[in-house]
Amino acid sequence: MVQRKEVLEILMSLEDIGELKLIRSAINDRIREIGHRIKYQLNKGDSVIINSRKGTEDGIIEKVNRTRAVVIINGTHWNVPFNMITKT
C-alpha cells in the first residue's frame, strides 16, 4: 500500500495542470461517493460527529434529507452535508 508521504511527494512533483485537475476531480468524486454511502447508514436519533473547519462537534440526527441531514448540535438545527458526518 502506498504511504501518505509518498502520495504527497508524487503530487508535489507534478507540474502538469491537466493532471492535477484530473486528480482533483477524482478526489471530489470519491468524497461524494463516501458521502452518499453514509446517507444510507443514518437514521433519526443516531449520535454523530460533525467534522468542520472549526473542529469536531457532537450531534443527533433529526432528519435525513436527499443531500444533507438535519443535525441538532447544542440545541440548534443545522443542515449538514453527509461528507462531514461520522456515525458514532
PDB file of N, CA and C in Angstrom:
ATOM      1  N   MET A   1       0.832  -1.183   0.000  1.00  0.00           N
ATOM      2  CA  MET A   1       0.000   0.000   0.000  1.00  0.00           C
ATOM      3  C   MET A   1       0.879   1.250   0.000  1.00  0.00           C
ATOM      4  N   VAL A   2       0.472   2.244  -0.741  1.00  0.00           N
ATOM      5  CA  VAL A   2       1.233   3.480  -0.860  1.00  0.00           C
ATOM      6  C   VAL A   2       1.020   4.323   0.405  1.00  0.00           C
ATOM      7  N   GLN A   3       2.088   4.828   0.944  1.00  0.00           N
ATOM      8  CA  GLN A   3       2.026   5.653   2.147  1.00  0.00           C
ATOM      9  C   GLN A   3       1.629   7.085   1.788  1.00  0.00           C
ATOM     10  N   ARG A   4       1.020   7.772   2.745  1.00  0.00           N
ATOM     11  CA  ARG A   4       0.597   9.158   2.517  1.00  0.00           C
ATOM     12  C   ARG A   4       1.766  10.042   2.103  1.00  0.00           C
ATOM     13  N   LYS A   5       2.905   9.842   2.744  1.00  0.00           N
ATOM     14  CA  LYS A   5       4.083  10.649   2.431  1.00  0.00           C
ATOM     15  C   LYS A   5       4.465  10.493   0.957  1.00  0.00           C
ATOM     16  N   GLU A   6       4.417   9.258   0.455  1.00  0.00           N
ATOM     17  CA  GLU A   6       4.743   9.001  -0.941  1.00  0.00           C
ATOM     18  C   GLU A   6       3.754   9.690  -1.876  1.00  0.00           C
ATOM     19  N   VAL A   7       2.467   9.622  -1.529  1.00  0.00           N
ATOM     20  CA  VAL A   7       1.437  10.258  -2.352  1.00  0.00           C
ATOM     21  C   VAL A   7       1.676  11.761  -2.415  1.00  0.00           C
ATOM     22  N   LEU A   8       1.943  12.367  -1.262  1.00  0.00           N
ATOM     23  CA  LEU A   8       2.190  13.806  -1.224  1.00  0.00           C
ATOM     24  C   LEU A   8       3.423  14.183  -2.033  1.00  0.00           C
ATOM     25  N   GLU A   9       4.477  13.375  -1.957  1.00  0.00           N
ATOM     26  CA  GLU A   9       5.685  13.653  -2.733  1.00  0.00           C
ATOM     27  C   GLU A   9       5.392  13.604  -4.236  1.00  0.00           C
ATOM     28  N   ILE A  10       4.605  12.607  -4.646  1.00  0.00           N
ATOM     29  CA  ILE A  10       4.254  12.484  -6.063  1.00  0.00           C
ATOM     30  C   ILE A  10       3.421  13.687  -6.501  1.00  0.00           C
ATOM     31  N   LEU A  11       2.428  14.061  -5.677  1.00  0.00           N
ATOM     32  CA  LEU A  11       1.588  15.215  -6.026  1.00  0.00           C
ATOM     33  C   LEU A  11       2.411  16.483  -6.143  1.00  0.00           C
ATOM     34  N   MET A  12       3.344  16.686  -5.231  1.00  0.00           N
ATOM     35  CA  MET A  12       4.159  17.900  -5.254  1.00  0.00           C
ATOM     36  C   MET A  12       5.116  17.928  -6.448  1.00  0.00           C
ATOM     37  N   SER A  13       5.443  16.766  -6.992  1.00  0.00           N
ATOM     38  CA  SER A  13       6.357  16.720  -8.127  1.00  0.00           C
ATOM     39  C   SER A  13       5.636  16.953  -9.468  1.00  0.00           C
ATOM     40  N   LEU A  14       4.291  16.840  -9.480  1.00  0.00           N
ATOM     41  CA  LEU A  14       3.538  17.037 -10.720  1.00  0.00           C
ATOM     42  C   LEU A  14       3.572  18.496 -11.143  1.00  0.00           C
ATOM     43  N   GLU A  15       3.774  18.708 -12.434  1.00  0.00           N
ATOM     44  CA  GLU A  15       3.826  20.077 -12.951  1.00  0.00           C
ATOM     45  C   GLU A  15       2.770  20.336 -14.020  1.00  0.00           C
ATOM     46  N   ASP A  16       2.075  19.288 -14.452  1.00  0.00           N
ATOM     47  CA  ASP A  16       1.064  19.436 -15.494  1.00  0.00           C
ATOM     48  C   ASP A  16      -0.279  19.781 -14.846  1.00  0.00           C
ATOM     49  N   ILE A  17      -0.824  20.945 -15.184  1.00  0.00           N
ATOM     50  CA  ILE A  17      -2.093  21.412 -14.624  1.00  0.00           C
ATOM     51  C   ILE A  17      -3.217  20.425 -14.953  1.00  0.00           C
ATOM     52  N   GLY A  18      -3.207  19.868 -16.143  1.00  0.00           N
ATOM     53  CA  GLY A  18      -4.246  18.920 -16.550  1.00  0.00           C
ATOM     54  C   GLY A  18      -4.282  17.691 -15.647  1.00  0.00           C
ATOM     55  N   GLU A  19      -3.106  17.171 -15.311  1.00  0.00           N
ATOM     56  CA  GLU A  19      -3.044  16.013 -14.420  1.00  0.00           C
ATOM     57  C   GLU A  19      -3.556  16.373 -13.028  1.00  0.00           C
ATOM     58  N   LEU A  20      -3.192  17.537 -12.529  1.00  0.00           N
ATOM     59  CA  LEU A  20      -3.643  17.965 -11.204  1.00  0.00           C
ATOM     60  C   LEU A  20      -5.160  18.154 -11.172  1.00  0.00           C
ATOM     61  N   LYS A  21      -5.736  18.700 -12.242  1.00  0.00           N
ATOM     62  CA  LYS A  21      -7.184  18.870 -12.303  1.00  0.00           C
ATOM     63  C   LYS A  21      -7.891  17.514 -12.346  1.00  0.00           C
ATOM     64  N   LEU A  22      -7.312  16.556 -13.055  1.00  0.00           N
ATOM     65  CA  LEU A  22      -7.880  15.210 -13.108  1.00  0.00           C
ATOM     66  C   LEU A  22      -7.859  14.563 -11.722  1.00  0.00           C
ATOM     67  N   ILE A  23      -6.762  14.723 -11.012  1.00  0.00           N
ATOM     68  CA  ILE A  23      -6.651  14.172  -9.656  1.00  0.00           C
ATOM     69  C   ILE A  23      -7.660  14.848  -8.732  1.00  0.00           C
ATOM     70  N   ARG A  24      -7.799  16.174  -8.842  1.00  0.00           N
ATOM     71  CA  ARG A  24      -8.772  16.896  -8.019  1.00  0.00           C
ATOM     72  C   ARG A  24     -10.183  16.394  -8.289  1.00  0.00           C
ATOM     73  N   SER A  25     -10.512  16.178  -9.545  1.00  0.00           N
ATOM     74  CA  SER A  25     -11.829  15.673  -9.918  1.00  0.00           C
ATOM     75  C   SER A  25     -12.066  14.281  -9.325  1.00  0.00           C
ATOM     76  N   ALA A  26     -11.057  13.425  -9.399  1.00  0.00           N
ATOM     77  CA  ALA A  26     -11.185  12.071  -8.855  1.00  0.00           C
ATOM     78  C   ALA A  26     -11.376  12.105  -7.342  1.00  0.00           C
ATOM     79  N   ILE A  27     -10.669  12.986  -6.668  1.00  0.00           N
ATOM     80  CA  ILE A  27     -10.808  13.113  -5.213  1.00  0.00           C
ATOM     81  C   ILE A  27     -12.204  13.605  -4.854  1.00  0.00           C
ATOM     82  N   ASN A  28     -12.703  14.609  -5.556  1.00  0.00           N
ATOM     83  CA  ASN A  28     -14.053  15.124  -5.290  1.00  0.00           C
ATOM     84  C   ASN A  28     -15.115  14.059  -5.535  1.00  0.00           C
ATOM     85  N   ASP A  29     -14.951  13.271  -6.586  1.00  0.00           N
ATOM     86  CA  ASP A  29     -15.893  12.180  -6.869  1.00  0.00           C
ATOM     87  C   ASP A  29     -15.893  11.153  -5.738  1.00  0.00           C
ATOM     88  N   ARG A  30     -14.723  10.842  -5.231  1.00  0.00           N
ATOM     89  CA  ARG A  30     -14.601   9.860  -4.147  1.00  0.00           C
ATOM     90  C   ARG A  30     -15.243  10.381  -2.857  1.00  0.00           C
ATOM     91  N   ILE A  31     -15.058  11.667  -2.568  1.00  0.00           N
ATOM     92  CA  ILE A  31     -15.671  12.269  -1.378  1.00  0.00           C
ATOM     93  C   ILE A  31     -17.188  12.203  -1.489  1.00  0.00           C
ATOM     94  N   ARG A  32     -17.741  12.524  -2.652  1.00  0.00           N
ATOM     95  CA  ARG A  32     -19.189  12.443  -2.865  1.00  0.00           C
ATOM     96  C   ARG A  32     -19.695  11.013  -2.699  1.00  0.00           C
ATOM     97  N   GLU A  33     -18.950  10.056  -3.237  1.00  0.00           N
ATOM     98  CA  GLU A  33     -19.336   8.646  -3.145  1.00  0.00           C
ATOM     99  C   GLU A  33     -19.396   8.195  -1.680  1.00  0.00           C
ATOM    100  N   ILE A  34     -18.418   8.573  -0.902  1.00  0.00           N
ATOM    101  CA  ILE A  34     -18.408   8.214   0.523  1.00  0.00           C
ATOM    102  C   ILE A  34     -19.569   8.882   1.240  1.00  0.00           C
ATOM    103  N   GLY A  35     -19.854  10.137   0.906  1.00  0.00           N
ATOM    104  CA  GLY A  35     -20.985  10.841   1.500  1.00  0.00           C
ATOM    105  C   GLY A  35     -22.305  10.164   1.199  1.00  0.00           C
ATOM    106  N   HIS A  36     -22.491   9.700  -0.033  1.00  0.00           N
ATOM    107  CA  HIS A  36     -23.732   9.011  -0.395  1.00  0.00           C
ATOM    108  C   HIS A  36     -23.869   7.691   0.357  1.00  0.00           C
ATOM    109  N   ARG A  37     -22.755   7.015   0.585  1.00  0.00           N
ATOM    110  CA  ARG A  37     -22.794   5.759   1.317  1.00  0.00           C
ATOM    111  C   ARG A  37     -23.186   6.001   2.781  1.00  0.00           C
ATOM    112  N   ILE A  38     -22.698   7.080   3.364  1.00  0.00           N
ATOM    113  CA  ILE A  38     -23.023   7.425   4.750  1.00  0.00           C
ATOM    114  C   ILE A  38     -24.521   7.688   4.892  1.00  0.00           C
ATOM    115  N   LYS A  39     -25.122   8.299   3.876  1.00  0.00           N
ATOM    116  CA  LYS A  39     -26.548   8.640   3.916  1.00  0.00           C
ATOM    117  C   LYS A  39     -27.413   7.450   4.297  1.00  0.00           C
ATOM    118  N   TYR A  40     -27.119   6.289   3.736  1.00  0.00           N
ATOM    119  CA  TYR A  40     -27.957   5.118   3.956  1.00  0.00           C
ATOM    120  C   TYR A  40     -27.688   4.433   5.299  1.00  0.00           C
ATOM    121  N   GLN A  41     -26.697   4.898   6.036  1.00  0.00           N
ATOM    122  CA  GLN A  41     -26.400   4.349   7.359  1.00  0.00           C
ATOM    123  C   GLN A  41     -27.010   5.184   8.476  1.00  0.00           C
ATOM    124  N   LEU A  42     -27.563   6.363   8.132  1.00  0.00           N
ATOM    125  CA  LEU A  42     -28.070   7.277   9.151  1.00  0.00           C
ATOM    126  C   LEU A  42     -29.567   7.117   9.365  1.00  0.00           C
ATOM    127  N   ASN A  43     -29.981   7.218  10.625  1.00  0.00           N
ATOM    128  CA  ASN A  43     -31.385   7.192  10.999  1.00  0.00           C
ATOM    129  C   ASN A  43     -31.645   8.269  12.041  1.00  0.00           C
ATOM    130  N   LYS A  44     -32.897   8.677  12.149  1.00  0.00           N
ATOM    131  CA  LYS A  44     -33.277   9.664  13.139  1.00  0.00           C
ATOM    132  C   LYS A  44     -32.887   9.165  14.535  1.00  0.00           C
ATOM    133  N   GLY A  45     -32.242  10.034  15.309  1.00  0.00           N
ATOM    134  CA  GLY A  45     -31.832   9.698  16.667  1.00  0.00           C
ATOM    135  C   GLY A  45     -30.410   9.187  16.782  1.00  0.00           C
ATOM    136  N   ASP A  46     -29.750   8.946  15.649  1.00  0.00           N
ATOM    137  CA  ASP A  46     -28.364   8.476  15.690  1.00  0.00           C
ATOM    138  C   ASP A  46     -27.441   9.560  16.223  1.00  0.00           C
ATOM    139  N   SER A  47     -26.468   9.148  17.003  1.00  0.00           N
ATOM    140  CA  SER A  47     -25.445  10.042  17.514  1.00  0.00           C
ATOM    141  C   SER A  47     -24.337  10.143  16.464  1.00  0.00           C
ATOM    142  N   VAL A  48     -23.912  11.369  16.134  1.00  0.00           N
ATOM    143  CA  VAL A  48     -22.911  11.575  15.090  1.00  0.00           C
ATOM    144  C   VAL A  48     -21.869  12.598  15.538  1.00  0.00           C
ATOM    145  N   ILE A  49     -20.759  12.595  14.810  1.00  0.00           N
ATOM    146  CA  ILE A  49     -19.718  13.602  14.990  1.00  0.00           C
ATOM    147  C   ILE A  49     -19.651  14.390  13.690  1.00  0.00           C
ATOM    148  N   ILE A  50     -19.643  15.714  13.812  1.00  0.00           N
ATOM    149  CA  ILE A  50     -19.559  16.598  12.652  1.00  0.00           C
ATOM    150  C   ILE A  50     -18.131  17.131  12.568  1.00  0.00           C
ATOM    151  N   ASN A  51     -17.481  16.898  11.429  1.00  0.00           N
ATOM    152  CA  ASN A  51     -16.117  17.388  11.208  1.00  0.00           C
ATOM    153  C   ASN A  51     -16.189  18.617  10.311  1.00  0.00           C
ATOM    154  N   SER A  52     -15.844  19.776  10.870  1.00  0.00           N
ATOM    155  CA  SER A  52     -15.879  21.006  10.088  1.00  0.00           C
ATOM    156  C   SER A  52     -14.549  21.730  10.211  1.00  0.00           C
ATOM    157  N   ARG A  53     -14.431  22.859   9.558  1.00  0.00           N
ATOM    158  CA  ARG A  53     -13.211  23.658   9.642  1.00  0.00           C
ATOM    159  C   ARG A  53     -12.958  24.149  11.058  1.00  0.00           C
ATOM    160  N   LYS A  54     -14.029  24.318  11.815  1.00  0.00           N
ATOM    161  CA  LYS A  54     -13.916  24.818  13.190  1.00  0.00           C
ATOM    162  C   LYS A  54     -13.572  23.720  14.190  1.00  0.00           C
ATOM    163  N   GLY A  55     -13.563  22.472  13.751  1.00  0.00           N
ATOM    164  CA  GLY A  55     -13.270  21.357  14.640  1.00  0.00           C
ATOM    165  C   GLY A  55     -14.362  20.314  14.572  1.00  0.00           C
ATOM    166  N   THR A  56     -14.467  19.522  15.634  1.00  0.00           N
ATOM    167  CA  THR A  56     -15.482  18.479  15.673  1.00  0.00           C
ATOM    168  C   THR A  56     -16.528  18.806  16.730  1.00  0.00           C
ATOM    169  N   GLU A  57     -17.765  18.438  16.424  1.00  0.00           N
ATOM    170  CA  GLU A  57     -18.869  18.645  17.348  1.00  0.00           C
ATOM    171  C   GLU A  57     -19.756  17.406  17.347  1.00  0.00           C
ATOM    172  N   ASP A  58     -20.369  17.142  18.492  1.00  0.00           N
ATOM    173  CA  ASP A  58     -21.296  16.023  18.604  1.00  0.00           C
ATOM    174  C   ASP A  58     -22.703  16.498  18.297  1.00  0.00           C
ATOM    175  N   GLY A  59     -23.490  15.618  17.690  1.00  0.00           N
ATOM    176  CA  GLY A  59     -24.868  15.967  17.362  1.00  0.00           C
ATOM    177  C   GLY A  59     -25.748  14.737  17.280  1.00  0.00           C
ATOM    178  N   ILE A  60     -27.040  14.986  17.087  1.00  0.00           N
ATOM    179  CA  ILE A  60     -28.043  13.936  16.946  1.00  0.00           C
ATOM    180  C   ILE A  60     -28.779  14.171  15.630  1.00  0.00           C
ATOM    181  N   ILE A  61     -28.972  13.112  14.845  1.00  0.00           N
ATOM    182  CA  ILE A  61     -29.694  13.220  13.579  1.00  0.00           C
ATOM    183  C   ILE A  61     -31.174  13.463  13.868  1.00  0.00           C
ATOM    184  N   GLU A  62     -31.705  14.528  13.287  1.00  0.00           N
ATOM    185  CA  GLU A  62     -33.132  14.838  13.400  1.00  0.00           C
ATOM    186  C   GLU A  62     -33.889  14.335  12.172  1.00  0.00           C
ATOM    187  N   LYS A  63     -33.257  14.494  10.979  1.00  0.00           N
ATOM    188  CA  LYS A  63     -33.912  14.110   9.735  1.00  0.00           C
ATOM    189  C   LYS A  63     -32.842  13.871   8.671  1.00  0.00           C
ATOM    190  N   VAL A  64     -33.061  12.891   7.801  1.00  0.00           N
ATOM    191  CA  VAL A  64     -32.156  12.624   6.690  1.00  0.00           C
ATOM    192  C   VAL A  64     -32.838  13.077   5.411  1.00  0.00           C
ATOM    193  N   ASN A  65     -32.267  14.094   4.780  1.00  0.00           N
ATOM    194  CA  ASN A  65     -32.804  14.612   3.521  1.00  0.00           C
ATOM    195  C   ASN A  65     -32.052  13.991   2.348  1.00  0.00           C
ATOM    196  N   ARG A  66     -32.317  14.488   1.156  1.00  0.00           N
ATOM    197  CA  ARG A  66     -31.718  13.919  -0.054  1.00  0.00           C
ATOM    198  C   ARG A  66     -30.205  14.165  -0.113  1.00  0.00           C
ATOM    199  N   THR A  67     -29.745  15.367   0.194  1.00  0.00           N
ATOM    200  CA  THR A  67     -28.322  15.683   0.075  1.00  0.00           C
ATOM    201  C   THR A  67     -27.661  16.039   1.397  1.00  0.00           C
ATOM    202  N   ARG A  68     -28.457  16.281   2.421  1.00  0.00           N
ATOM    203  CA  ARG A  68     -27.925  16.681   3.725  1.00  0.00           C
ATOM    204  C   ARG A  68     -28.776  16.082   4.827  1.00  0.00           C
ATOM    205  N   ALA A  69     -28.251  16.136   6.042  1.00  0.00           N
ATOM    206  CA  ALA A  69     -29.013  15.691   7.200  1.00  0.00           C
ATOM    207  C   ALA A  69     -29.225  16.880   8.127  1.00  0.00           C
ATOM    208  N   VAL A  70     -30.371  16.925   8.777  1.00  0.00           N
ATOM    209  CA  VAL A  70     -30.625  17.933   9.799  1.00  0.00           C
ATOM    210  C   VAL A  70     -30.084  17.347  11.101  1.00  0.00           C
ATOM    211  N   VAL A  71     -29.123  18.055  11.682  1.00  0.00           N
ATOM    212  CA  VAL A  71     -28.458  17.581  12.892  1.00  0.00           C
ATOM    213  C   VAL A  71     -28.658  18.610  13.999  1.00  0.00           C
ATOM    214  N   ILE A  72     -28.998  18.127  15.188  1.00  0.00           N
ATOM    215  CA  ILE A  72     -29.141  19.017  16.342  1.00  0.00           C
ATOM    216  C   ILE A  72     -27.790  19.058  17.058  1.00  0.00           C
ATOM    217  N   ILE A  73     -27.208  20.264  17.084  1.00  0.00           N
ATOM    218  CA  ILE A  73     -25.934  20.482  17.760  1.00  0.00           C
ATOM    219  C   ILE A  73     -26.158  21.582  18.789  1.00  0.00           C
ATOM    220  N   ASN A  74     -26.000  21.254  20.060  1.00  0.00           N
ATOM    221  CA  ASN A  74     -26.208  22.215  21.154  1.00  0.00           C
ATOM    222  C   ASN A  74     -27.566  22.902  21.062  1.00  0.00           C
ATOM    223  N   GLY A  75     -28.610  22.150  20.730  1.00  0.00           N
ATOM    224  CA  GLY A  75     -29.959  22.686  20.686  1.00  0.00           C
ATOM    225  C   GLY A  75     -30.320  23.435  19.412  1.00  0.00           C
ATOM    226  N   THR A  76     -29.395  23.561  18.479  1.00  0.00           N
ATOM    227  CA  THR A  76     -29.634  24.263  17.226  1.00  0.00           C
ATOM    228  C   THR A  76     -29.670  23.262  16.074  1.00  0.00           C
ATOM    229  N   HIS A  77     -30.614  23.445  15.145  1.00  0.00           N
ATOM    230  CA  HIS A  77     -30.737  22.577  13.975  1.00  0.00           C
ATOM    231  C   HIS A  77     -29.818  23.089  12.858  1.00  0.00           C
ATOM    232  N   TRP A  78     -29.001  22.191  12.314  1.00  0.00           N
ATOM    233  CA  TRP A  78     -28.091  22.533  11.222  1.00  0.00           C
ATOM    234  C   TRP A  78     -28.293  21.560  10.068  1.00  0.00           C
ATOM    235  N   ASN A  79     -28.238  22.072   8.837  1.00  0.00           N
ATOM    236  CA  ASN A  79     -28.231  21.221   7.646  1.00  0.00           C
ATOM    237  C   ASN A  79     -26.776  20.898   7.338  1.00  0.00           C
ATOM    238  N   VAL A  80     -26.418  19.635   7.456  1.00  0.00           N
ATOM    239  CA  VAL A  80     -25.021  19.226   7.339  1.00  0.00           C
ATOM    240  C   VAL A  80     -24.856  18.268   6.165  1.00  0.00           C
ATOM    241  N   PRO A  81     -23.887  18.527   5.267  1.00  0.00           N
ATOM    242  CA  PRO A  81     -23.613  17.581   4.177  1.00  0.00           C
ATOM    243  C   PRO A  81     -23.144  16.248   4.737  1.00  0.00           C
ATOM    244  N   PHE A  82     -23.475  15.174   4.036  1.00  0.00           N
ATOM    245  CA  PHE A  82     -23.135  13.837   4.507  1.00  0.00           C
ATOM    246  C   PHE A  82     -21.640  13.607   4.644  1.00  0.00           C
ATOM    247  N   ASN A  83     -20.829  14.260   3.793  1.00  0.00           N
ATOM    248  CA  ASN A  83     -19.388  14.011   3.854  1.00  0.00           C
ATOM    249  C   ASN A  83     -18.742  14.643   5.090  1.00  0.00           C
ATOM    250  N   MET A  84     -19.487  15.409   5.879  1.00  0.00           N
ATOM    251  CA  MET A  84     -18.972  15.979   7.121  1.00  0.00           C
ATOM    252  C   MET A  84     -19.407  15.167   8.341  1.00  0.00           C
ATOM    253  N   ILE A  85     -20.197  14.109   8.123  1.00  0.00           N
ATOM    254  CA  ILE A  85     -20.794  13.352   9.220  1.00  0.00           C
ATOM    255  C   ILE A  85     -20.081  12.011   9.394  1.00  0.00           C
ATOM    256  N   THR A  86     -19.799  11.695  10.661  1.00  0.00           N
ATOM    257  CA  THR A  86     -19.276  10.381  11.024  1.00  0.00           C
ATOM    258  C   THR A  86     -20.205   9.801  12.080  1.00  0.00           C
ATOM    259  N   LYS A  87     -20.713   8.602  11.832  1.00  0.00           N
ATOM    260  CA  LYS A  87     -21.613   7.961  12.783  1.00  0.00           C
ATOM    261  C   LYS A  87     -20.809   7.389  13.944  1.00  0.00           C
ATOM    262  N   THR A  88     -21.307   7.588  15.182  1.00  0.00           N
ATOM    263  CA  THR A  88     -20.585   7.050  16.350  1.00  0.00           C
ATOM    264  C   THR A  88     -21.231   5.796  16.863  1.00  0.00           C
TER     265      THR A  88
END
